PDB file of N, CA and C in Angstrom:
ATOM      1  N   MET A   1      11.069 -48.581 -74.520  1.00  0.00           N
ATOM      2  CA  MET A   1      11.949 -47.636 -73.877  1.00  0.00           C
ATOM      3  C   MET A   1      11.230 -46.310 -73.700  1.00  0.00           C
ATOM      4  N   GLY A   2      11.819 -45.483 -72.833  1.00  0.00           N
ATOM      5  CA  GLY A   2      11.240 -44.180 -72.582  1.00  0.00           C
ATOM      6  C   GLY A   2      11.580 -43.200 -73.692  1.00  0.00           C
ATOM      7  N   ARG A   3      11.057 -42.030 -73.542  1.00  0.00           N
ATOM      8  CA  ARG A   3      11.351 -40.988 -74.524  1.00  0.00           C
ATOM      9  C   ARG A   3      12.752 -40.449 -74.260  1.00  0.00           C
ATOM     10  N   TYR A   4      13.446 -40.152 -75.301  1.00  0.00           N
ATOM     11  CA  TYR A   4      14.805 -39.631 -75.191  1.00  0.00           C
ATOM     12  C   TYR A   4      14.851 -38.213 -75.730  1.00  0.00           C
ATOM     13  N   VAL A   5      15.781 -37.437 -75.200  1.00  0.00           N
ATOM     14  CA  VAL A   5      16.067 -36.104 -75.718  1.00  0.00           C
ATOM     15  C   VAL A   5      17.566 -36.028 -75.941  1.00  0.00           C
ATOM     16  N   THR A   6      17.958 -35.132 -76.786  1.00  0.00           N
ATOM     17  CA  THR A   6      19.378 -34.929 -77.042  1.00  0.00           C
ATOM     18  C   THR A   6      19.858 -33.759 -76.204  1.00  0.00           C
ATOM     19  N   VAL A   7      20.977 -33.961 -75.540  1.00  0.00           N
ATOM     20  CA  VAL A   7      21.607 -32.883 -74.784  1.00  0.00           C
ATOM     21  C   VAL A   7      22.969 -32.633 -75.402  1.00  0.00           C
ATOM     22  N   SER A   8      23.451 -31.436 -75.221  1.00  0.00           N
ATOM     23  CA  SER A   8      24.765 -31.141 -75.779  1.00  0.00           C
ATOM     24  C   SER A   8      25.572 -30.363 -74.765  1.00  0.00           C
ATOM     25  N   ALA A   9      26.877 -30.447 -74.914  1.00  0.00           N
ATOM     26  CA  ALA A   9      27.790 -29.714 -74.053  1.00  0.00           C
ATOM     27  C   ALA A   9      28.974 -29.271 -74.897  1.00  0.00           C
ATOM     28  N   LYS A  10      29.460 -28.102 -74.611  1.00  0.00           N
ATOM     29  CA  LYS A  10      30.656 -27.637 -75.319  1.00  0.00           C
ATOM     30  C   LYS A  10      31.883 -28.095 -74.557  1.00  0.00           C
ATOM     31  N   VAL A  11      32.772 -28.732 -75.275  1.00  0.00           N
ATOM     32  CA  VAL A  11      34.050 -29.159 -74.704  1.00  0.00           C
ATOM     33  C   VAL A  11      35.155 -28.741 -75.675  1.00  0.00           C
ATOM     34  N   ARG A  12      36.343 -28.657 -75.151  1.00  0.00           N
ATOM     35  CA  ARG A  12      37.467 -28.307 -76.022  1.00  0.00           C
ATOM     36  C   ARG A  12      37.629 -29.387 -77.089  1.00  0.00           C
ATOM     37  N   ARG A  13      37.897 -28.971 -78.291  1.00  0.00           N
ATOM     38  CA  ARG A  13      38.069 -29.912 -79.398  1.00  0.00           C
ATOM     39  C   ARG A  13      39.144 -30.953 -79.058  1.00  0.00           C
ATOM     40  N   GLU A  14      40.223 -30.496 -78.441  1.00  0.00           N
ATOM     41  CA  GLU A  14      41.320 -31.406 -78.100  1.00  0.00           C
ATOM     42  C   GLU A  14      40.856 -32.509 -77.146  1.00  0.00           C
ATOM     43  N   LEU A  15      39.982 -32.128 -76.220  1.00  0.00           N
ATOM     44  CA  LEU A  15      39.478 -33.114 -75.269  1.00  0.00           C
ATOM     45  C   LEU A  15      38.650 -34.173 -75.982  1.00  0.00           C
ATOM     46  N   LEU A  16      37.776 -33.761 -76.877  1.00  0.00           N
ATOM     47  CA  LEU A  16      36.961 -34.712 -77.626  1.00  0.00           C
ATOM     48  C   LEU A  16      37.843 -35.607 -78.509  1.00  0.00           C
ATOM     49  N   GLU A  17      38.835 -35.023 -79.139  1.00  0.00           N
ATOM     50  CA  GLU A  17      39.732 -35.813 -79.989  1.00  0.00           C
ATOM     51  C   GLU A  17      40.499 -36.836 -79.164  1.00  0.00           C
ATOM     52  N   GLU A  18      40.958 -36.421 -77.997  1.00  0.00           N
ATOM     53  CA  GLU A  18      41.690 -37.343 -77.110  1.00  0.00           C
ATOM     54  C   GLU A  18      40.755 -38.465 -76.637  1.00  0.00           C
ATOM     55  N   ALA A  19      39.514 -38.136 -76.310  1.00  0.00           N
ATOM     56  CA  ALA A  19      38.546 -39.153 -75.889  1.00  0.00           C
ATOM     57  C   ALA A  19      38.320 -40.149 -77.019  1.00  0.00           C
ATOM     58  N   ARG A  20      38.209 -39.662 -78.238  1.00  0.00           N
ATOM     59  CA  ARG A  20      38.020 -40.567 -79.384  1.00  0.00           C
ATOM     60  C   ARG A  20      39.237 -41.465 -79.581  1.00  0.00           C
ATOM     61  N   ARG A  21      40.444 -40.877 -79.421  1.00  0.00           N
ATOM     62  CA  ARG A  21      41.672 -41.691 -79.561  1.00  0.00           C
ATOM     63  C   ARG A  21      41.714 -42.791 -78.506  1.00  0.00           C
ATOM     64  N   LEU A  22      41.142 -42.508 -77.334  1.00  0.00           N
ATOM     65  CA  LEU A  22      41.134 -43.488 -76.247  1.00  0.00           C
ATOM     66  C   LEU A  22      39.908 -44.400 -76.293  1.00  0.00           C
ATOM     67  N   ASN A  23      39.167 -44.328 -77.403  1.00  0.00           N
ATOM     68  CA  ASN A  23      37.962 -45.142 -77.588  1.00  0.00           C
ATOM     69  C   ASN A  23      36.940 -44.969 -76.468  1.00  0.00           C
ATOM     70  N   ILE A  24      36.775 -43.740 -76.016  1.00  0.00           N
ATOM     71  CA  ILE A  24      35.774 -43.436 -74.996  1.00  0.00           C
ATOM     72  C   ILE A  24      34.452 -43.153 -75.692  1.00  0.00           C
ATOM     73  N   ASN A  25      33.430 -43.872 -75.292  1.00  0.00           N
ATOM     74  CA  ASN A  25      32.087 -43.636 -75.815  1.00  0.00           C
ATOM     75  C   ASN A  25      31.530 -42.437 -75.034  1.00  0.00           C
ATOM     76  N   VAL A  26      31.634 -41.264 -75.628  1.00  0.00           N
ATOM     77  CA  VAL A  26      31.268 -40.024 -74.952  1.00  0.00           C
ATOM     78  C   VAL A  26      29.792 -40.021 -74.568  1.00  0.00           C
ATOM     79  N   SER A  27      28.942 -40.465 -75.448  1.00  0.00           N
ATOM     80  CA  SER A  27      27.507 -40.495 -75.148  1.00  0.00           C
ATOM     81  C   SER A  27      27.219 -41.362 -73.933  1.00  0.00           C
ATOM     82  N   GLU A  28      27.793 -42.543 -73.902  1.00  0.00           N
ATOM     83  CA  GLU A  28      27.573 -43.458 -72.775  1.00  0.00           C
ATOM     84  C   GLU A  28      28.157 -42.872 -71.498  1.00  0.00           C
ATOM     85  N   LEU A  29      29.311 -42.266 -71.591  1.00  0.00           N
ATOM     86  CA  LEU A  29      29.949 -41.659 -70.420  1.00  0.00           C
ATOM     87  C   LEU A  29      29.081 -40.539 -69.843  1.00  0.00           C
ATOM     88  N   ILE A  30      28.574 -39.675 -70.705  1.00  0.00           N
ATOM     89  CA  ILE A  30      27.711 -38.577 -70.256  1.00  0.00           C
ATOM     90  C   ILE A  30      26.435 -39.136 -69.637  1.00  0.00           C
ATOM     91  N   ARG A  31      25.848 -40.130 -70.268  1.00  0.00           N
ATOM     92  CA  ARG A  31      24.612 -40.745 -69.760  1.00  0.00           C
ATOM     93  C   ARG A  31      24.843 -41.335 -68.371  1.00  0.00           C
ATOM     94  N   ARG A  32      25.923 -42.106 -68.227  1.00  0.00           N
ATOM     95  CA  ARG A  32      26.234 -42.721 -66.928  1.00  0.00           C
ATOM     96  C   ARG A  32      26.517 -41.669 -65.867  1.00  0.00           C
ATOM     97  N   ALA A  33      27.289 -40.651 -66.226  1.00  0.00           N
ATOM     98  CA  ALA A  33      27.625 -39.599 -65.265  1.00  0.00           C
ATOM     99  C   ALA A  33      26.370 -38.869 -64.802  1.00  0.00           C
ATOM    100  N   LEU A  34      25.469 -38.584 -65.719  1.00  0.00           N
ATOM    101  CA  LEU A  34      24.232 -37.900 -65.366  1.00  0.00           C
ATOM    102  C   LEU A  34      23.357 -38.786 -64.482  1.00  0.00           C
ATOM    103  N   GLU A  35      23.257 -40.064 -64.826  1.00  0.00           N
ATOM    104  CA  GLU A  35      22.473 -40.994 -64.004  1.00  0.00           C
ATOM    105  C   GLU A  35      23.043 -41.089 -62.592  1.00  0.00           C
ATOM    106  N   GLU A  36      24.362 -41.184 -62.480  1.00  0.00           N
ATOM    107  CA  GLU A  36      24.999 -41.283 -61.168  1.00  0.00           C
ATOM    108  C   GLU A  36      24.788 -40.009 -60.351  1.00  0.00           C
ATOM    109  N   GLU A  37      24.880 -38.856 -60.987  1.00  0.00           N
ATOM    110  CA  GLU A  37      24.686 -37.593 -60.272  1.00  0.00           C
ATOM    111  C   GLU A  37      23.238 -37.439 -59.806  1.00  0.00           C
ATOM    112  N   VAL A  38      22.288 -37.839 -60.641  1.00  0.00           N
ATOM    113  CA  VAL A  38      20.880 -37.785 -60.243  1.00  0.00           C
ATOM    114  C   VAL A  38      20.652 -38.709 -59.050  1.00  0.00           C
ATOM    115  N   ARG A  39      21.193 -39.910 -59.102  1.00  0.00           N
ATOM    116  CA  ARG A  39      21.062 -40.865 -57.998  1.00  0.00           C
ATOM    117  C   ARG A  39      21.694 -40.306 -56.721  1.00  0.00           C
ATOM    118  N   ARG A  40      22.878 -39.695 -56.847  1.00  0.00           N
ATOM    119  CA  ARG A  40      23.567 -39.127 -55.687  1.00  0.00           C
ATOM    120  C   ARG A  40      22.757 -37.989 -55.069  1.00  0.00           C
ATOM    121  N   ARG A  41      22.221 -37.120 -55.914  1.00  0.00           N
ATOM    122  CA  ARG A  41      21.434 -35.983 -55.407  1.00  0.00           C
ATOM    123  C   ARG A  41      20.156 -36.451 -54.729  1.00  0.00           C
ATOM    124  N   LYS A  42      19.527 -37.502 -55.277  1.00  0.00           N
ATOM    125  CA  LYS A  42      18.333 -38.048 -54.637  1.00  0.00           C
ATOM    126  C   LYS A  42      18.664 -38.564 -53.239  1.00  0.00           C
ATOM    127  N   LEU A  43      19.800 -39.243 -53.126  1.00  0.00           N
ATOM    128  CA  LEU A  43      20.210 -39.760 -51.823  1.00  0.00           C
ATOM    129  C   LEU A  43      20.500 -38.627 -50.842  1.00  0.00           C
ATOM    130  N   VAL A  44      21.139 -37.566 -51.320  1.00  0.00           N
ATOM    131  CA  VAL A  44      21.421 -36.412 -50.460  1.00  0.00           C
ATOM    132  C   VAL A  44      20.114 -35.789 -49.993  1.00  0.00           C
ATOM    133  N   ASN A  45      19.170 -35.611 -50.906  1.00  0.00           N
ATOM    134  CA  ASN A  45      17.871 -35.040 -50.537  1.00  0.00           C
ATOM    135  C   ASN A  45      17.149 -35.924 -49.525  1.00  0.00           C
ATOM    136  N   LEU A  46      17.185 -37.233 -49.742  1.00  0.00           N
ATOM    137  CA  LEU A  46      16.546 -38.163 -48.821  1.00  0.00           C
ATOM    138  C   LEU A  46      17.198 -38.088 -47.444  1.00  0.00           C
ATOM    139  N   GLU A  47      18.520 -38.007 -47.420  1.00  0.00           N
ATOM    140  CA  GLU A  47      19.236 -37.905 -46.147  1.00  0.00           C
ATOM    141  C   GLU A  47      18.841 -36.637 -45.394  1.00  0.00           C
ATOM    142  N   GLU A  48      18.705 -35.531 -46.115  1.00  0.00           N
ATOM    143  CA  GLU A  48      18.283 -34.283 -45.488  1.00  0.00           C
ATOM    144  C   GLU A  48      16.876 -34.406 -44.906  1.00  0.00           C
ATOM    145  N   LYS A  49      15.984 -35.034 -45.650  1.00  0.00           N
ATOM    146  CA  LYS A  49      14.616 -35.231 -45.160  1.00  0.00           C
ATOM    147  C   LYS A  49      14.610 -36.107 -43.915  1.00  0.00           C
ATOM    148  N   LEU A  50      15.431 -37.170 -43.930  1.00  0.00           N
ATOM    149  CA  LEU A  50      15.493 -38.056 -42.774  1.00  0.00           C
ATOM    150  C   LEU A  50      16.033 -37.335 -41.545  1.00  0.00           C
ATOM    151  N   LYS A  51      17.013 -36.470 -41.745  1.00  0.00           N
ATOM    152  CA  LYS A  51      17.552 -35.710 -40.618  1.00  0.00           C
ATOM    153  C   LYS A  51      16.478 -34.812 -40.008  1.00  0.00           C
ATOM    154  N   LYS A  52      15.660 -34.201 -40.855  1.00  0.00           N
ATOM    155  CA  LYS A  52      14.577 -33.354 -40.364  1.00  0.00           C
ATOM    156  C   LYS A  52      13.557 -34.185 -39.601  1.00  0.00           C
ATOM    157  N   LYS A  53      13.239 -35.359 -40.117  1.00  0.00           N
ATOM    158  CA  LYS A  53      12.259 -36.236 -39.469  1.00  0.00           C
ATOM    159  C   LYS A  53      12.813 -36.827 -38.180  1.00  0.00           C
ATOM    160  N   HIS A  54      14.123 -36.976 -38.096  1.00  0.00           N
ATOM    161  CA  HIS A  54      14.745 -37.571 -36.917  1.00  0.00           C
ATOM    162  C   HIS A  54      14.381 -36.784 -35.664  1.00  0.00           C
ATOM    163  N   ASN A  55      14.389 -35.465 -35.759  1.00  0.00           N
ATOM    164  CA  ASN A  55      14.042 -34.640 -34.601  1.00  0.00           C
ATOM    165  C   ASN A  55      12.630 -34.934 -34.124  1.00  0.00           C
ATOM    166  N   THR A  56      11.728 -35.106 -35.060  1.00  0.00           N
ATOM    167  CA  THR A  56      10.344 -35.419 -34.709  1.00  0.00           C
ATOM    168  C   THR A  56      10.241 -36.816 -34.115  1.00  0.00           C
ATOM    169  N   LEU A  57      10.886 -37.772 -34.767  1.00  0.00           N
ATOM    170  CA  LEU A  57      10.821 -39.153 -34.299  1.00  0.00           C
ATOM    171  C   LEU A  57      11.497 -39.335 -32.941  1.00  0.00           C
ATOM    172  N   ALA A  58      12.510 -38.545 -32.663  1.00  0.00           N
ATOM    173  CA  ALA A  58      13.217 -38.650 -31.390  1.00  0.00           C
ATOM    174  C   ALA A  58      12.312 -38.279 -30.225  1.00  0.00           C
ATOM    175  N   LYS A  59      11.288 -37.494 -30.473  1.00  0.00           N
ATOM    176  CA  LYS A  59      10.371 -37.059 -29.417  1.00  0.00           C
ATOM    177  C   LYS A  59       9.337 -38.126 -29.067  1.00  0.00           C
ATOM    178  N   ILE A  60       9.177 -39.108 -29.925  1.00  0.00           N
ATOM    179  CA  ILE A  60       8.178 -40.146 -29.711  1.00  0.00           C
ATOM    180  C   ILE A  60       8.736 -41.181 -28.741  1.00  0.00           C
ATOM    181  N   GLU A  61       7.943 -41.492 -27.741  1.00  0.00           N
ATOM    182  CA  GLU A  61       8.368 -42.484 -26.754  1.00  0.00           C
ATOM    183  C   GLU A  61       7.901 -43.868 -27.208  1.00  0.00           C
ATOM    184  N   ILE A  62       8.835 -44.765 -27.353  1.00  0.00           N
ATOM    185  CA  ILE A  62       8.543 -46.117 -27.828  1.00  0.00           C
ATOM    186  C   ILE A  62       7.593 -46.825 -26.874  1.00  0.00           C
ATOM    187  N   ASP A  63       7.807 -46.669 -25.573  1.00  0.00           N
ATOM    188  CA  ASP A  63       6.947 -47.334 -24.595  1.00  0.00           C
ATOM    189  C   ASP A  63       5.494 -46.898 -24.767  1.00  0.00           C
ATOM    190  N   GLU A  64       5.291 -45.630 -25.059  1.00  0.00           N
ATOM    191  CA  GLU A  64       3.936 -45.110 -25.258  1.00  0.00           C
ATOM    192  C   GLU A  64       3.296 -45.736 -26.490  1.00  0.00           C
ATOM    193  N   ILE A  65       4.060 -45.885 -27.554  1.00  0.00           N
ATOM    194  CA  ILE A  65       3.544 -46.494 -28.787  1.00  0.00           C
ATOM    195  C   ILE A  65       3.180 -47.949 -28.529  1.00  0.00           C
ATOM    196  N   VAL A  66       4.050 -48.664 -27.855  1.00  0.00           N
ATOM    197  CA  VAL A  66       3.785 -50.072 -27.545  1.00  0.00           C
ATOM    198  C   VAL A  66       2.512 -50.191 -26.712  1.00  0.00           C
ATOM    199  N   ARG A  67       2.355 -49.320 -25.726  1.00  0.00           N
ATOM    200  CA  ARG A  67       1.172 -49.342 -24.871  1.00  0.00           C
ATOM    201  C   ARG A  67      -0.094 -49.107 -25.697  1.00  0.00           C
ATOM    202  N   LEU A  68      -0.040 -48.117 -26.598  1.00  0.00           N
ATOM    203  CA  LEU A  68      -1.210 -47.809 -27.426  1.00  0.00           C
ATOM    204  C   LEU A  68      -1.563 -48.954 -28.370  1.00  0.00           C
ATOM    205  N   ILE A  69      -0.560 -49.607 -28.924  1.00  0.00           N
ATOM    206  CA  ILE A  69      -0.804 -50.742 -29.820  1.00  0.00           C
ATOM    207  C   ILE A  69      -1.452 -51.885 -29.049  1.00  0.00           C
ATOM    208  N   ARG A  70      -0.947 -52.143 -27.855  1.00  0.00           N
ATOM    209  CA  ARG A  70      -1.513 -53.230 -27.039  1.00  0.00           C
ATOM    210  C   ARG A  70      -2.958 -52.920 -26.668  1.00  0.00           C
ATOM    211  N   GLU A  71      -3.210 -51.681 -26.304  1.00  0.00           N
ATOM    212  CA  GLU A  71      -4.586 -51.281 -25.963  1.00  0.00           C
ATOM    213  C   GLU A  71      -5.504 -51.483 -27.155  1.00  0.00           C
ATOM    214  N   ASP A  72      -5.030 -51.102 -28.332  1.00  0.00           N
ATOM    215  CA  ASP A  72      -5.838 -51.248 -29.539  1.00  0.00           C
ATOM    216  C   ASP A  72      -6.121 -52.710 -29.849  1.00  0.00           C
ATOM    217  N   ARG A  73      -5.134 -53.571 -29.693  1.00  0.00           N
ATOM    218  CA  ARG A  73      -5.320 -54.992 -29.956  1.00  0.00           C
ATOM    219  C   ARG A  73      -6.301 -55.605 -28.965  1.00  0.00           C
ATOM    220  N   GLU A  74      -6.197 -55.202 -27.704  1.00  0.00           N
ATOM    221  CA  GLU A  74      -7.093 -55.748 -26.690  1.00  0.00           C
ATOM    222  C   GLU A  74      -8.524 -55.293 -26.902  1.00  0.00           C
ATOM    223  N   ALA A  75      -8.696 -54.112 -27.466  1.00  0.00           N
ATOM    224  CA  ALA A  75     -10.033 -53.579 -27.696  1.00  0.00           C
ATOM    225  C   ALA A  75     -10.748 -54.322 -28.818  1.00  0.00           C
ATOM    226  N   ARG A  76     -10.026 -55.000 -29.654  1.00  0.00           N
ATOM    227  CA  ARG A  76     -10.645 -55.710 -30.807  1.00  0.00           C
ATOM    228  C   ARG A  76     -11.116 -57.046 -30.432  1.00  0.00           C
TER     229      ARG A  76
END
């Protein structure tokens, strides 16, 4: 396994007590929530990058690319 670190958060005592009464594994819940948020943020960042690249890619003419590929293949 990878290296682990301990993180902490302050929550109202009543909230923690209620979570314990409901048999909520707080550590697992925090771990899952953090993993999901990291995954979500990565997807948002990727989407932003793709949107930026879309403008560049939209300028490329497919017919020109196909022509260049064919020329390259014929030259070999």
